[in-house]
Amino acid sequence: MGTSPDAGQGGGSFLVTFGPIVILFVIMYLLLIRPQRKRQKEHENILKELKKGDRVVTNSGIFGTIFAIYDDKNKVVLKISDDVKIELLKSSIATKVTET
């Protein structure tokens, strides 16, 4: 009747078809991936700058003072009290505690 030959095929342009998917990926990158990478780099910098005598808190919430650092073994020895020292992975240090 009066229909054009292309009316039933529904072939759109590439941008119309994949545009929303690309926009969704960009939004996910900006909101999720980029901030996570930034936090990871900040944590790596904190771990690199640790030195003996720094007061830190671990991921499990233990406060202590760094007694020794073994970079080759990726280990840290924390002094929790006068007679208590524990060995931890360096990556288990959450942050350095600043005295205020």
Protein backbone atom coordinates (compact mmCIF):
# COMPACT_ATOMS: atom_id res chain seq x y z
CA MET A 1 0.00 0.00 0.00
CA GLY A 2 1.91 3.18 0.61
CA THR A 3 4.89 1.88 2.58
CA SER A 4 8.46 2.39 1.66
CA PRO A 5 10.77 -0.60 1.19
CA ASP A 6 12.88 0.33 4.27
CA ALA A 7 10.00 0.71 6.73
CA GLY A 8 10.11 -2.84 8.12
CA GLN A 9 13.87 -3.28 8.43
CA GLY A 10 14.66 -1.02 11.41
CA GLY A 11 18.35 -0.57 10.62
CA GLY A 12 19.54 2.48 12.57
CA SER A 13 22.91 4.10 12.61
CA PHE A 14 25.75 2.80 14.75
CA LEU A 15 25.51 5.78 17.14
CA VAL A 16 21.80 5.28 17.76
CA THR A 17 22.26 1.56 18.37
CA PHE A 18 25.36 1.59 20.57
CA GLY A 19 25.21 5.15 21.91
CA PRO A 20 23.39 4.30 25.16
CA ILE A 21 25.82 1.46 25.88
CA VAL A 22 28.82 3.74 25.37
CA ILE A 23 27.26 6.43 27.58
CA LEU A 24 26.56 3.85 30.30
CA PHE A 25 30.18 2.65 30.19
CA VAL A 26 31.49 6.23 30.46
CA ILE A 27 29.25 6.91 33.46
CA MET A 28 30.37 3.68 35.16
CA TYR A 29 34.01 4.59 34.55
CA LEU A 30 33.60 8.08 36.00
CA LEU A 31 31.59 7.00 39.04
CA LEU A 32 33.12 3.63 39.94
CA ILE A 33 36.42 2.72 38.32
CA ARG A 34 38.25 6.06 38.41
CA PRO A 35 37.67 6.84 42.12
CA GLN A 36 38.64 3.28 43.08
CA ARG A 37 41.94 3.57 41.19
CA LYS A 38 42.60 6.91 42.86
CA ARG A 39 42.07 5.41 46.34
CA GLN A 40 44.29 2.46 45.44
CA LYS A 41 47.14 4.76 44.35
CA GLU A 42 46.80 6.81 47.55
CA HIS A 43 46.98 3.60 49.63
CA GLU A 44 50.08 2.46 47.74
CA ASN A 45 51.73 5.83 48.41
CA ILE A 46 50.93 5.54 52.13
CA LEU A 47 52.51 2.07 52.22
CA LYS A 48 55.64 3.27 50.40
CA GLU A 49 56.15 6.15 52.85
CA LEU A 50 55.88 4.03 56.03
CA LYS A 51 58.89 4.06 58.30
CA LYS A 52 59.88 2.68 61.68
CA GLY A 53 58.08 4.47 64.51
CA ASP A 54 54.96 5.42 62.53
CA ARG A 55 51.65 4.86 64.29
CA VAL A 56 49.25 2.91 62.04
CA VAL A 57 45.92 1.11 62.07
CA THR A 58 45.36 -2.21 60.30
CA ASN A 59 42.37 -3.28 58.22
CA SER A 60 41.15 -5.28 61.23
CA GLY A 61 41.25 -2.20 63.48
CA ILE A 62 44.43 -2.90 65.44
CA PHE A 63 46.44 0.17 66.39
CA GLY A 64 50.19 -0.18 66.68
CA THR A 65 53.60 1.33 66.07
CA ILE A 66 55.84 0.03 63.31
CA PHE A 67 58.75 -1.82 64.89
CA ALA A 68 60.35 -3.17 61.69
CA ILE A 69 59.68 -3.20 57.94
CA TYR A 70 60.81 -5.98 55.60
CA ASP A 71 60.18 -4.68 52.07
CA ASP A 72 61.69 -7.75 50.42
CA LYS A 73 59.18 -10.02 52.22
CA ASN A 74 56.33 -7.48 52.14
CA LYS A 75 56.01 -7.75 55.93
CA VAL A 76 55.71 -5.31 58.81
CA VAL A 77 56.23 -5.95 62.52
CA LEU A 78 53.84 -3.92 64.69
CA LYS A 79 54.45 -3.21 68.32
CA ILE A 80 51.07 -3.20 70.05
CA SER A 81 52.32 -2.95 73.63
CA ASP A 82 55.67 -3.30 75.37
CA ASP A 83 55.68 -7.10 75.19
CA VAL A 84 53.46 -7.72 72.16
CA LYS A 85 54.71 -7.61 68.58
CA ILE A 86 52.87 -9.06 65.59
CA GLU A 87 53.93 -9.73 62.01
CA LEU A 88 51.56 -8.58 59.25
CA LEU A 89 51.50 -8.24 55.52
CA LYS A 90 52.32 -4.69 54.54
CA SER A 91 49.12 -4.51 52.52
CA SER A 92 47.04 -5.09 55.67
CA ILE A 93 47.94 -1.60 56.93
CA ALA A 94 44.87 0.57 56.38
CA THR A 95 46.31 4.00 57.10
CA LYS A 96 48.81 6.01 59.05
CA VAL A 97 47.41 7.56 62.23
CA THR A 98 48.08 11.24 62.63
CA GLU A 99 48.28 12.51 66.18
CA THR A 100 45.91 15.43 66.71
